[in-house]
PDB file of all heavy atoms in Angstrom:
ATOM      1  N   GLY A   1      18.819   0.328  -8.974  1.00  0.00           N
ATOM      2  CA  GLY A   1      17.893  -0.395  -9.831  1.00  0.00           C
ATOM      3  C   GLY A   1      16.445   0.006  -9.616  1.00  0.00           C
ATOM      4  O   GLY A   1      16.138   0.922  -8.827  1.00  0.00           O
ATOM      5  N   SER A   2      15.561  -0.689 -10.321  1.00  0.00           N
ATOM      6  CA  SER A   2      14.128  -0.386 -10.276  1.00  0.00           C
ATOM      7  C   SER A   2      13.311  -1.644 -10.050  1.00  0.00           C
ATOM      8  O   SER A   2      13.730  -2.755 -10.408  1.00  0.00           O
ATOM      9  CB  SER A   2      13.697   0.259 -11.598  1.00  0.00           C
ATOM     10  OG  SER A   2      14.384   1.463 -11.840  1.00  0.00           O
ATOM     11  N   LEU A   3      12.148  -1.450  -9.454  1.00  0.00           N
ATOM     12  CA  LEU A   3      11.165  -2.516  -9.291  1.00  0.00           C
ATOM     13  C   LEU A   3       9.777  -1.891  -9.395  1.00  0.00           C
ATOM     14  O   LEU A   3       9.593  -0.707  -9.080  1.00  0.00           O
ATOM     15  CB  LEU A   3      11.279  -3.207  -7.930  1.00  0.00           C
ATOM     16  CG  LEU A   3      12.349  -4.270  -7.717  1.00  0.00           C
ATOM     17  CD1 LEU A   3      12.338  -4.730  -6.262  1.00  0.00           C
ATOM     18  CD2 LEU A   3      12.157  -5.445  -8.652  1.00  0.00           C
ATOM     19  N   ARG A   4       8.828  -2.720  -9.801  1.00  0.00           N
ATOM     20  CA  ARG A   4       7.433  -2.271  -9.847  1.00  0.00           C
ATOM     21  C   ARG A   4       6.587  -3.240  -9.028  1.00  0.00           C
ATOM     22  O   ARG A   4       6.532  -4.438  -9.343  1.00  0.00           O
ATOM     23  CB  ARG A   4       6.926  -2.224 -11.279  1.00  0.00           C
ATOM     24  CG  ARG A   4       5.513  -1.643 -11.418  1.00  0.00           C
ATOM     25  CD  ARG A   4       5.137  -1.560 -12.876  1.00  0.00           C
ATOM     26  NE  ARG A   4       3.888  -0.848 -13.114  1.00  0.00           N
ATOM     27  CZ  ARG A   4       2.804  -1.395 -13.630  1.00  0.00           C
ATOM     28  NH1 ARG A   4       2.798  -2.682 -13.960  1.00  0.00           N
ATOM     29  NH2 ARG A   4       1.717  -0.661 -13.837  1.00  0.00           N
ATOM     30  N   LEU A   5       5.973  -2.714  -7.994  1.00  0.00           N
ATOM     31  CA  LEU A   5       5.098  -3.513  -7.150  1.00  0.00           C
ATOM     32  C   LEU A   5       3.651  -3.363  -7.603  1.00  0.00           C
ATOM     33  O   LEU A   5       3.250  -2.286  -8.062  1.00  0.00           O
ATOM     34  CB  LEU A   5       5.210  -3.087  -5.688  1.00  0.00           C
ATOM     35  CG  LEU A   5       6.612  -3.079  -5.073  1.00  0.00           C
ATOM     36  CD1 LEU A   5       6.521  -2.700  -3.590  1.00  0.00           C
ATOM     37  CD2 LEU A   5       7.313  -4.398  -5.261  1.00  0.00           C
ATOM     38  N   SER A   6       2.906  -4.445  -7.444  1.00  0.00           N
ATOM     39  CA  SER A   6       1.483  -4.435  -7.768  1.00  0.00           C
ATOM     40  C   SER A   6       0.667  -4.884  -6.571  1.00  0.00           C
ATOM     41  O   SER A   6       1.111  -5.742  -5.801  1.00  0.00           O
ATOM     42  CB  SER A   6       1.192  -5.375  -8.950  1.00  0.00           C
ATOM     43  OG  SER A   6       1.889  -4.977 -10.105  1.00  0.00           O
ATOM     44  N   CYS A   7      -0.511  -4.336  -6.445  1.00  0.00           N
ATOM     45  CA  CYS A   7      -1.447  -4.741  -5.387  1.00  0.00           C
ATOM     46  C   CYS A   7      -2.787  -5.020  -6.044  1.00  0.00           C
ATOM     47  O   CYS A   7      -3.383  -4.114  -6.653  1.00  0.00           O
ATOM     48  CB  CYS A   7      -1.585  -3.649  -4.344  1.00  0.00           C
ATOM     49  SG  CYS A   7      -2.845  -3.992  -3.098  1.00  0.00           S
ATOM     50  N   ALA A   8      -3.247  -6.250  -5.915  1.00  0.00           N
ATOM     51  CA  ALA A   8      -4.505  -6.670  -6.526  1.00  0.00           C
ATOM     52  C   ALA A   8      -5.563  -6.840  -5.460  1.00  0.00           C
ATOM     53  O   ALA A   8      -5.444  -7.727  -4.612  1.00  0.00           O
ATOM     54  CB  ALA A   8      -4.297  -7.981  -7.284  1.00  0.00           C
ATOM     55  N   PRO A   9      -6.607  -6.025  -5.496  1.00  0.00           N
ATOM     56  CA  PRO A   9      -7.686  -6.173  -4.524  1.00  0.00           C
ATOM     57  C   PRO A   9      -8.764  -7.119  -5.037  1.00  0.00           C
ATOM     58  O   PRO A   9      -8.965  -7.258  -6.238  1.00  0.00           O
ATOM     59  CB  PRO A   9      -8.231  -4.754  -4.401  1.00  0.00           C
ATOM     60  CG  PRO A   9      -8.033  -4.179  -5.762  1.00  0.00           C
ATOM     61  CD  PRO A   9      -6.789  -4.821  -6.319  1.00  0.00           C
ATOM     62  N   SER A  10      -9.457  -7.740  -4.100  1.00  0.00           N
ATOM     63  CA  SER A  10     -10.617  -8.568  -4.442  1.00  0.00           C
ATOM     64  C   SER A  10     -11.584  -8.525  -3.271  1.00  0.00           C
ATOM     65  O   SER A  10     -11.254  -8.071  -2.185  1.00  0.00           O
ATOM     66  CB  SER A  10     -10.201 -10.010  -4.750  1.00  0.00           C
ATOM     67  OG  SER A  10      -9.586 -10.618  -3.640  1.00  0.00           O
ATOM     68  N   GLY A  11     -12.785  -9.017  -3.511  1.00  0.00           N
ATOM     69  CA  GLY A  11     -13.802  -8.979  -2.465  1.00  0.00           C
ATOM     70  C   GLY A  11     -14.659  -7.736  -2.598  1.00  0.00           C
ATOM     71  O   GLY A  11     -15.065  -7.369  -3.698  1.00  0.00           O
ATOM     72  N   SER A  12     -14.908  -7.075  -1.514  1.00  0.00           N
ATOM     73  CA  SER A  12     -15.782  -5.901  -1.477  1.00  0.00           C
ATOM     74  C   SER A  12     -15.049  -4.651  -1.961  1.00  0.00           C
ATOM     75  O   SER A  12     -14.907  -3.660  -1.229  1.00  0.00           O
ATOM     76  CB  SER A  12     -16.332  -5.695  -0.072  1.00  0.00           C
ATOM     77  OG  SER A  12     -17.057  -6.841   0.349  1.00  0.00           O
ATOM     78  N   ILE A  13     -14.621  -4.698  -3.209  1.00  0.00           N
ATOM     79  CA  ILE A  13     -13.814  -3.603  -3.763  1.00  0.00           C
ATOM     80  C   ILE A  13     -14.590  -2.292  -3.758  1.00  0.00           C
ATOM     81  O   ILE A  13     -14.010  -1.213  -3.588  1.00  0.00           O
ATOM     82  CB  ILE A  13     -13.357  -3.954  -5.180  1.00  0.00           C
ATOM     83  CG1 ILE A  13     -12.447  -5.193  -5.164  1.00  0.00           C
ATOM     84  CG2 ILE A  13     -12.633  -2.793  -5.828  1.00  0.00           C
ATOM     85  CD1 ILE A  13     -12.055  -5.669  -6.544  1.00  0.00           C
ATOM     86  N   PHE A  14     -15.891  -2.371  -3.882  1.00  0.00           N
ATOM     87  CA  PHE A  14     -16.715  -1.164  -3.932  1.00  0.00           C
ATOM     88  C   PHE A  14     -16.566  -0.319  -2.672  1.00  0.00           C
ATOM     89  O   PHE A  14     -16.820   0.879  -2.667  1.00  0.00           O
ATOM     90  CB  PHE A  14     -18.192  -1.549  -4.109  1.00  0.00           C
ATOM     91  CG  PHE A  14     -18.746  -2.334  -2.951  1.00  0.00           C
ATOM     92  CD1 PHE A  14     -19.324  -1.688  -1.862  1.00  0.00           C
ATOM     93  CD2 PHE A  14     -18.664  -3.722  -2.920  1.00  0.00           C
ATOM     94  CE1 PHE A  14     -19.814  -2.404  -0.790  1.00  0.00           C
ATOM     95  CE2 PHE A  14     -19.157  -4.448  -1.848  1.00  0.00           C
ATOM     96  CZ  PHE A  14     -19.725  -3.783  -0.773  1.00  0.00           C
ATOM     97  N   SER A  15     -16.159  -0.960  -1.563  1.00  0.00           N
ATOM     98  CA  SER A  15     -16.064  -0.249  -0.287  1.00  0.00           C
ATOM     99  C   SER A  15     -14.754   0.513  -0.120  1.00  0.00           C
ATOM    100  O   SER A  15     -14.591   1.285   0.818  1.00  0.00           O
ATOM    101  CB  SER A  15     -16.217  -1.240   0.874  1.00  0.00           C
ATOM    102  OG  SER A  15     -15.090  -2.086   0.966  1.00  0.00           O
ATOM    103  N   ILE A  16     -13.811   0.292  -1.028  1.00  0.00           N
ATOM    104  CA  ILE A  16     -12.495   0.918  -0.894  1.00  0.00           C
ATOM    105  C   ILE A  16     -12.543   2.378  -1.331  1.00  0.00           C
ATOM    106  O   ILE A  16     -13.024   2.676  -2.417  1.00  0.00           O
ATOM    107  CB  ILE A  16     -11.440   0.176  -1.733  1.00  0.00           C
ATOM    108  CG1 ILE A  16     -11.289  -1.270  -1.254  1.00  0.00           C
ATOM    109  CG2 ILE A  16     -10.100   0.897  -1.682  1.00  0.00           C
ATOM    110  CD1 ILE A  16     -10.390  -2.104  -2.147  1.00  0.00           C
ATOM    111  N   TYR A  17     -12.043   3.283  -0.485  1.00  0.00           N
ATOM    112  CA  TYR A  17     -11.976   4.685  -0.896  1.00  0.00           C
ATOM    113  C   TYR A  17     -10.559   5.244  -0.908  1.00  0.00           C
ATOM    114  O   TYR A  17     -10.327   6.348  -1.367  1.00  0.00           O
ATOM    115  CB  TYR A  17     -12.881   5.560  -0.023  1.00  0.00           C
ATOM    116  CG  TYR A  17     -12.501   5.597   1.447  1.00  0.00           C
ATOM    117  CD1 TYR A  17     -11.463   6.402   1.890  1.00  0.00           C
ATOM    118  CD2 TYR A  17     -13.198   4.847   2.379  1.00  0.00           C
ATOM    119  CE1 TYR A  17     -11.119   6.457   3.223  1.00  0.00           C
ATOM    120  CE2 TYR A  17     -12.873   4.895   3.714  1.00  0.00           C
ATOM    121  CZ  TYR A  17     -11.835   5.702   4.140  1.00  0.00           C
ATOM    122  OH  TYR A  17     -11.507   5.748   5.470  1.00  0.00           O
ATOM    123  N   ALA A  18      -9.612   4.508  -0.395  1.00  0.00           N
ATOM    124  CA  ALA A  18      -8.219   4.958  -0.433  1.00  0.00           C
ATOM    125  C   ALA A  18      -7.317   3.738  -0.357  1.00  0.00           C
ATOM    126  O   ALA A  18      -7.637   2.763   0.322  1.00  0.00           O
ATOM    127  CB  ALA A  18      -7.915   5.912   0.718  1.00  0.00           C
ATOM    128  N   MET A  19      -6.191   3.819  -1.059  1.00  0.00           N
ATOM    129  CA  MET A  19      -5.229   2.723  -1.034  1.00  0.00           C
ATOM    130  C   MET A  19      -3.824   3.282  -1.040  1.00  0.00           C
ATOM    131  O   MET A  19      -3.584   4.389  -1.529  1.00  0.00           O
ATOM    132  CB  MET A  19      -5.417   1.800  -2.240  1.00  0.00           C
ATOM    133  CG  MET A  19      -6.699   0.996  -2.215  1.00  0.00           C
ATOM    134  SD  MET A  19      -6.826  -0.147  -3.601  1.00  0.00           S
ATOM    135  CE  MET A  19      -5.602  -1.382  -3.150  1.00  0.00           C
ATOM    136  N   GLY A  20      -2.913   2.486  -0.520  1.00  0.00           N
ATOM    137  CA  GLY A  20      -1.541   2.957  -0.509  1.00  0.00           C
ATOM    138  C   GLY A  20      -0.555   1.877  -0.181  1.00  0.00           C
ATOM    139  O   GLY A  20      -0.919   0.713   0.039  1.00  0.00           O
ATOM    140  N   TRP A  21       0.704   2.263  -0.152  1.00  0.00           N
ATOM    141  CA  TRP A  21       1.822   1.378   0.139  1.00  0.00           C
ATOM    142  C   TRP A  21       2.520   1.819   1.417  1.00  0.00           C
ATOM    143  O   TRP A  21       2.761   3.020   1.622  1.00  0.00           O
ATOM    144  CB  TRP A  21       2.823   1.394  -1.018  1.00  0.00           C
ATOM    145  CG  TRP A  21       2.325   0.722  -2.252  1.00  0.00           C
ATOM    146  CD1 TRP A  21       1.727   1.308  -3.328  1.00  0.00           C
ATOM    147  CD2 TRP A  21       2.379  -0.679  -2.535  1.00  0.00           C
ATOM    148  NE1 TRP A  21       1.399   0.359  -4.259  1.00  0.00           N
ATOM    149  CE2 TRP A  21       1.800  -0.878  -3.796  1.00  0.00           C
ATOM    150  CE3 TRP A  21       2.867  -1.787  -1.854  1.00  0.00           C
ATOM    151  CZ2 TRP A  21       1.689  -2.131  -4.389  1.00  0.00           C
ATOM    152  CZ3 TRP A  21       2.764  -3.044  -2.442  1.00  0.00           C
ATOM    153  CH2 TRP A  21       2.179  -3.204  -3.696  1.00  0.00           C
ATOM    154  N   TYR A  22       2.834   0.856   2.226  1.00  0.00           N
ATOM    155  CA  TYR A  22       3.585   1.051   3.450  1.00  0.00           C
ATOM    156  C   TYR A  22       4.742   0.061   3.453  1.00  0.00           C
ATOM    157  O   TYR A  22       4.732  -0.906   2.700  1.00  0.00           O
ATOM    158  CB  TYR A  22       2.687   0.826   4.666  1.00  0.00           C
ATOM    159  CG  TYR A  22       1.595   1.860   4.797  1.00  0.00           C
ATOM    160  CD1 TYR A  22       0.515   1.872   3.924  1.00  0.00           C
ATOM    161  CD2 TYR A  22       1.650   2.847   5.783  1.00  0.00           C
ATOM    162  CE1 TYR A  22      -0.476   2.831   4.019  1.00  0.00           C
ATOM    163  CE2 TYR A  22       0.660   3.811   5.895  1.00  0.00           C
ATOM    164  CZ  TYR A  22      -0.400   3.795   5.009  1.00  0.00           C
ATOM    165  OH  TYR A  22      -1.374   4.750   5.109  1.00  0.00           O
ATOM    166  N   ARG A  23       5.720   0.305   4.301  1.00  0.00           N
ATOM    167  CA  ARG A  23       6.839  -0.629   4.398  1.00  0.00           C
ATOM    168  C   ARG A  23       7.313  -0.751   5.828  1.00  0.00           C
ATOM    169  O   ARG A  23       7.134   0.159   6.636  1.00  0.00           O
ATOM    170  CB  ARG A  23       7.984  -0.207   3.490  1.00  0.00           C
ATOM    171  CG  ARG A  23       8.692   1.071   3.908  1.00  0.00           C
ATOM    172  CD  ARG A  23       9.726   1.460   2.858  1.00  0.00           C
ATOM    173  NE  ARG A  23      10.438   2.692   3.224  1.00  0.00           N
ATOM    174  CZ  ARG A  23      11.277   3.335   2.430  1.00  0.00           C
ATOM    175  NH1 ARG A  23      11.530   2.866   1.201  1.00  0.00           N
ATOM    176  NH2 ARG A  23      11.873   4.430   2.845  1.00  0.00           N
ATOM    177  N   GLN A  24       7.925  -1.888   6.098  1.00  0.00           N
ATOM    178  CA  GLN A  24       8.487  -2.128   7.420  1.00  0.00           C
ATOM    179  C   GLN A  24       9.843  -2.789   7.268  1.00  0.00           C
ATOM    180  O   GLN A  24       9.950  -3.910   6.754  1.00  0.00           O
ATOM    181  CB  GLN A  24       7.557  -3.003   8.257  1.00  0.00           C
ATOM    182  CG  GLN A  24       7.995  -3.137   9.705  1.00  0.00           C
ATOM    183  CD  GLN A  24       6.910  -3.710  10.595  1.00  0.00           C
ATOM    184  OE1 GLN A  24       5.921  -4.289  10.111  1.00  0.00           O
ATOM    185  NE2 GLN A  24       7.051  -3.528  11.883  1.00  0.00           N
ATOM    186  N   ALA A  25      10.843  -2.090   7.710  1.00  0.00           N
ATOM    187  CA  ALA A  25      12.202  -2.618   7.694  1.00  0.00           C
ATOM    188  C   ALA A  25      12.465  -3.357   8.998  1.00  0.00           C
ATOM    189  O   ALA A  25      11.798  -3.092  10.004  1.00  0.00           O
ATOM    190  CB  ALA A  25      13.196  -1.476   7.512  1.00  0.00           C
ATOM    191  N   PRO A  26      13.433  -4.259   9.008  1.00  0.00           N
ATOM    192  CA  PRO A  26      13.729  -5.006  10.237  1.00  0.00           C
ATOM    193  C   PRO A  26      14.019  -4.076  11.403  1.00  0.00           C
ATOM    194  O   PRO A  26      14.824  -3.151  11.286  1.00  0.00           O
ATOM    195  CB  PRO A  26      14.967  -5.824   9.848  1.00  0.00           C
ATOM    196  CG  PRO A  26      14.866  -5.976   8.378  1.00  0.00           C
ATOM    197  CD  PRO A  26      14.255  -4.707   7.876  1.00  0.00           C
ATOM    198  N   GLY A  27      13.335  -4.307  12.516  1.00  0.00           N
ATOM    199  CA  GLY A  27      13.570  -3.523  13.716  1.00  0.00           C
ATOM    200  C   GLY A  27      12.954  -2.135  13.708  1.00  0.00           C
ATOM    201  O   GLY A  27      13.192  -1.356  14.636  1.00  0.00           O
ATOM    202  N   LYS A  28      12.168  -1.837  12.665  1.00  0.00           N
ATOM    203  CA  LYS A  28      11.565  -0.511  12.575  1.00  0.00           C
ATOM    204  C   LYS A  28      10.048  -0.611  12.493  1.00  0.00           C
ATOM    205  O   LYS A  28       9.494  -1.672  12.203  1.00  0.00           O
ATOM    206  CB  LYS A  28      12.108   0.229  11.357  1.00  0.00           C
ATOM    207  CG  LYS A  28      13.589   0.544  11.445  1.00  0.00           C
ATOM    208  CD  LYS A  28      14.026   1.428  10.291  1.00  0.00           C
ATOM    209  CE  LYS A  28      15.486   1.819  10.415  1.00  0.00           C
ATOM    210  NZ  LYS A  28      15.909   2.726   9.317  1.00  0.00           N
ATOM    211  N   GLN A  29       9.407   0.515  12.738  1.00  0.00           N
ATOM    212  CA  GLN A  29       7.956   0.544  12.642  1.00  0.00           C
ATOM    213  C   GLN A  29       7.513   0.645  11.185  1.00  0.00           C
ATOM    214  O   GLN A  29       8.255   1.122  10.319  1.00  0.00           O
ATOM    215  CB  GLN A  29       7.406   1.750  13.417  1.00  0.00           C
ATOM    216  CG  GLN A  29       7.544   1.618  14.927  1.00  0.00           C
ATOM    217  CD  GLN A  29       6.820   2.734  15.665  1.00  0.00           C
ATOM    218  OE1 GLN A  29       6.660   3.836  15.152  1.00  0.00           O
ATOM    219  NE2 GLN A  29       6.362   2.442  16.866  1.00  0.00           N
ATOM    220  N   ARG A  30       6.311   0.184  10.937  1.00  0.00           N
ATOM    221  CA  ARG A  30       5.744   0.310   9.595  1.00  0.00           C
ATOM    222  C   ARG A  30       5.514   1.801   9.303  1.00  0.00           C
ATOM    223  O   ARG A  30       5.067   2.551  10.164  1.00  0.00           O
ATOM    224  CB  ARG A  30       4.424  -0.463   9.503  1.00  0.00           C
ATOM    225  CG  ARG A  30       3.925  -0.672   8.098  1.00  0.00           C
ATOM    226  CD  ARG A  30       2.737  -1.614   8.067  1.00  0.00           C
ATOM    227  NE  ARG A  30       3.096  -2.955   8.540  1.00  0.00           N
ATOM    228  CZ  ARG A  30       2.266  -4.002   8.490  1.00  0.00           C
ATOM    229  NH1 ARG A  30       1.036  -3.848   7.984  1.00  0.00           N
ATOM    230  NH2 ARG A  30       2.662  -5.165   8.948  1.00  0.00           N
ATOM    231  N   GLU A  31       5.837   2.191   8.064  1.00  0.00           N
ATOM    232  CA  GLU A  31       5.727   3.599   7.702  1.00  0.00           C
ATOM    233  C   GLU A  31       5.064   3.760   6.343  1.00  0.00           C
ATOM    234  O   GLU A  31       5.129   2.861   5.489  1.00  0.00           O
ATOM    235  CB  GLU A  31       7.120   4.251   7.668  1.00  0.00           C
ATOM    236  CG  GLU A  31       8.052   3.656   6.622  1.00  0.00           C
ATOM    237  CD  GLU A  31       9.401   4.355   6.558  1.00  0.00           C
ATOM    238  OE1 GLU A  31       9.656   5.269   7.367  1.00  0.00           O
ATOM    239  OE2 GLU A  31      10.204   3.993   5.674  1.00  0.00           O
ATOM    240  N   LEU A  32       4.479   4.917   6.156  1.00  0.00           N
ATOM    241  CA  LEU A  32       3.880   5.236   4.868  1.00  0.00           C
ATOM    242  C   LEU A  32       4.962   5.400   3.809  1.00  0.00           C
ATOM    243  O   LEU A  32       5.976   6.045   4.053  1.00  0.00           O
ATOM    244  CB  LEU A  32       3.080   6.534   4.972  1.00  0.00           C
ATOM    245  CG  LEU A  32       2.597   7.136   3.664  1.00  0.00           C
ATOM    246  CD1 LEU A  32       1.492   6.278   3.052  1.00  0.00           C
ATOM    247  CD2 LEU A  32       2.123   8.565   3.867  1.00  0.00           C
ATOM    248  N   VAL A  33       4.701   4.847   2.626  1.00  0.00           N
ATOM    249  CA  VAL A  33       5.563   5.083   1.475  1.00  0.00           C
ATOM    250  C   VAL A  33       4.852   6.035   0.519  1.00  0.00           C
ATOM    251  O   VAL A  33       5.367   7.098   0.181  1.00  0.00           O
ATOM    252  CB  VAL A  33       5.899   3.767   0.752  1.00  0.00           C
ATOM    253  CG1 VAL A  33       6.751   4.049  -0.490  1.00  0.00           C
ATOM    254  CG2 VAL A  33       6.622   2.807   1.682  1.00  0.00           C
ATOM    255  N   ALA A  34       3.661   5.648   0.097  1.00  0.00           N
ATOM    256  CA  ALA A  34       2.881   6.473  -0.821  1.00  0.00           C
ATOM    257  C   ALA A  34       1.443   6.015  -0.764  1.00  0.00           C
ATOM    258  O   ALA A  34       1.178   4.828  -0.573  1.00  0.00           O
ATOM    259  CB  ALA A  34       3.413   6.353  -2.242  1.00  0.00           C
ATOM    260  N   ARG A  35       0.528   6.965  -0.937  1.00  0.00           N
ATOM    261  CA  ARG A  35      -0.877   6.594  -0.887  1.00  0.00           C
ATOM    262  C   ARG A  35      -1.729   7.539  -1.709  1.00  0.00           C
ATOM    263  O   ARG A  35      -1.330   8.680  -1.952  1.00  0.00           O
ATOM    264  CB  ARG A  35      -1.370   6.579   0.558  1.00  0.00           C
ATOM    265  CG  ARG A  35      -1.424   7.937   1.204  1.00  0.00           C
ATOM    266  CD  ARG A  35      -1.790   7.838   2.682  1.00  0.00           C
ATOM    267  NE  ARG A  35      -3.207   7.553   2.869  1.00  0.00           N
ATOM    268  CZ  ARG A  35      -4.121   8.487   3.156  1.00  0.00           C
ATOM    269  NH1 ARG A  35      -3.779   9.747   3.245  1.00  0.00           N
ATOM    270  NH2 ARG A  35      -5.383   8.147   3.329  1.00  0.00           N
ATOM    271  N   PHE A  36      -2.860   7.026  -2.136  1.00  0.00           N
ATOM    272  CA  PHE A  36      -3.917   7.850  -2.683  1.00  0.00           C
ATOM    273  C   PHE A  36      -4.871   8.173  -1.549  1.00  0.00           C
ATOM    274  O   PHE A  36      -5.305   7.296  -0.815  1.00  0.00           O
ATOM    275  CB  PHE A  36      -4.690   7.095  -3.777  1.00  0.00           C
ATOM    276  CG  PHE A  36      -3.970   7.009  -5.088  1.00  0.00           C
ATOM    277  CD1 PHE A  36      -3.334   5.840  -5.466  1.00  0.00           C
ATOM    278  CD2 PHE A  36      -3.917   8.098  -5.944  1.00  0.00           C
ATOM    279  CE1 PHE A  36      -2.676   5.749  -6.677  1.00  0.00           C
ATOM    280  CE2 PHE A  36      -3.260   8.022  -7.160  1.00  0.00           C
ATOM    281  CZ  PHE A  36      -2.636   6.847  -7.519  1.00  0.00           C
ATOM    282  N   THR A  37      -5.198   9.448  -1.407  1.00  0.00           N
ATOM    283  CA  THR A  37      -6.147   9.845  -0.380  1.00  0.00           C
ATOM    284  C   THR A  37      -7.572   9.675  -0.906  1.00  0.00           C
ATOM    285  O   THR A  37      -7.793   9.321  -2.070  1.00  0.00           O
ATOM    286  CB  THR A  37      -5.927  11.304   0.025  1.00  0.00           C
ATOM    287  OG1 THR A  37      -6.222  12.128  -1.114  1.00  0.00           O
ATOM    288  CG2 THR A  37      -4.494  11.546   0.450  1.00  0.00           C
ATOM    289  N   ARG A  38      -8.516   9.956  -0.034  1.00  0.00           N
ATOM    290  CA  ARG A  38      -9.914   9.772  -0.407  1.00  0.00           C
ATOM    291  C   ARG A  38     -10.324  10.653  -1.582  1.00  0.00           C
ATOM    292  O   ARG A  38     -11.155  10.266  -2.409  1.00  0.00           O
ATOM    293  CB  ARG A  38     -10.807  10.055   0.796  1.00  0.00           C
ATOM    294  CG  ARG A  38     -12.262   9.701   0.590  1.00  0.00           C
ATOM    295  CD  ARG A  38     -12.991   9.636   1.904  1.00  0.00           C
ATOM    296  NE  ARG A  38     -14.290   8.979   1.777  1.00  0.00           N
ATOM    297  CZ  ARG A  38     -14.959   8.477   2.790  1.00  0.00           C
ATOM    298  NH1 ARG A  38     -14.485   8.551   4.007  1.00  0.00           N
ATOM    299  NH2 ARG A  38     -16.130   7.901   2.587  1.00  0.00           N
TER     300      ARG A  38
END
């Protein structure tokens, strides 16, 4: 199947230069999924 995740920023948005998605499965370390670089 498919899902679409959204991330809504607020506050000092002007300071953001990169954003991305990470995930953490049970018993595992948080890992990069996908990101926009600077």
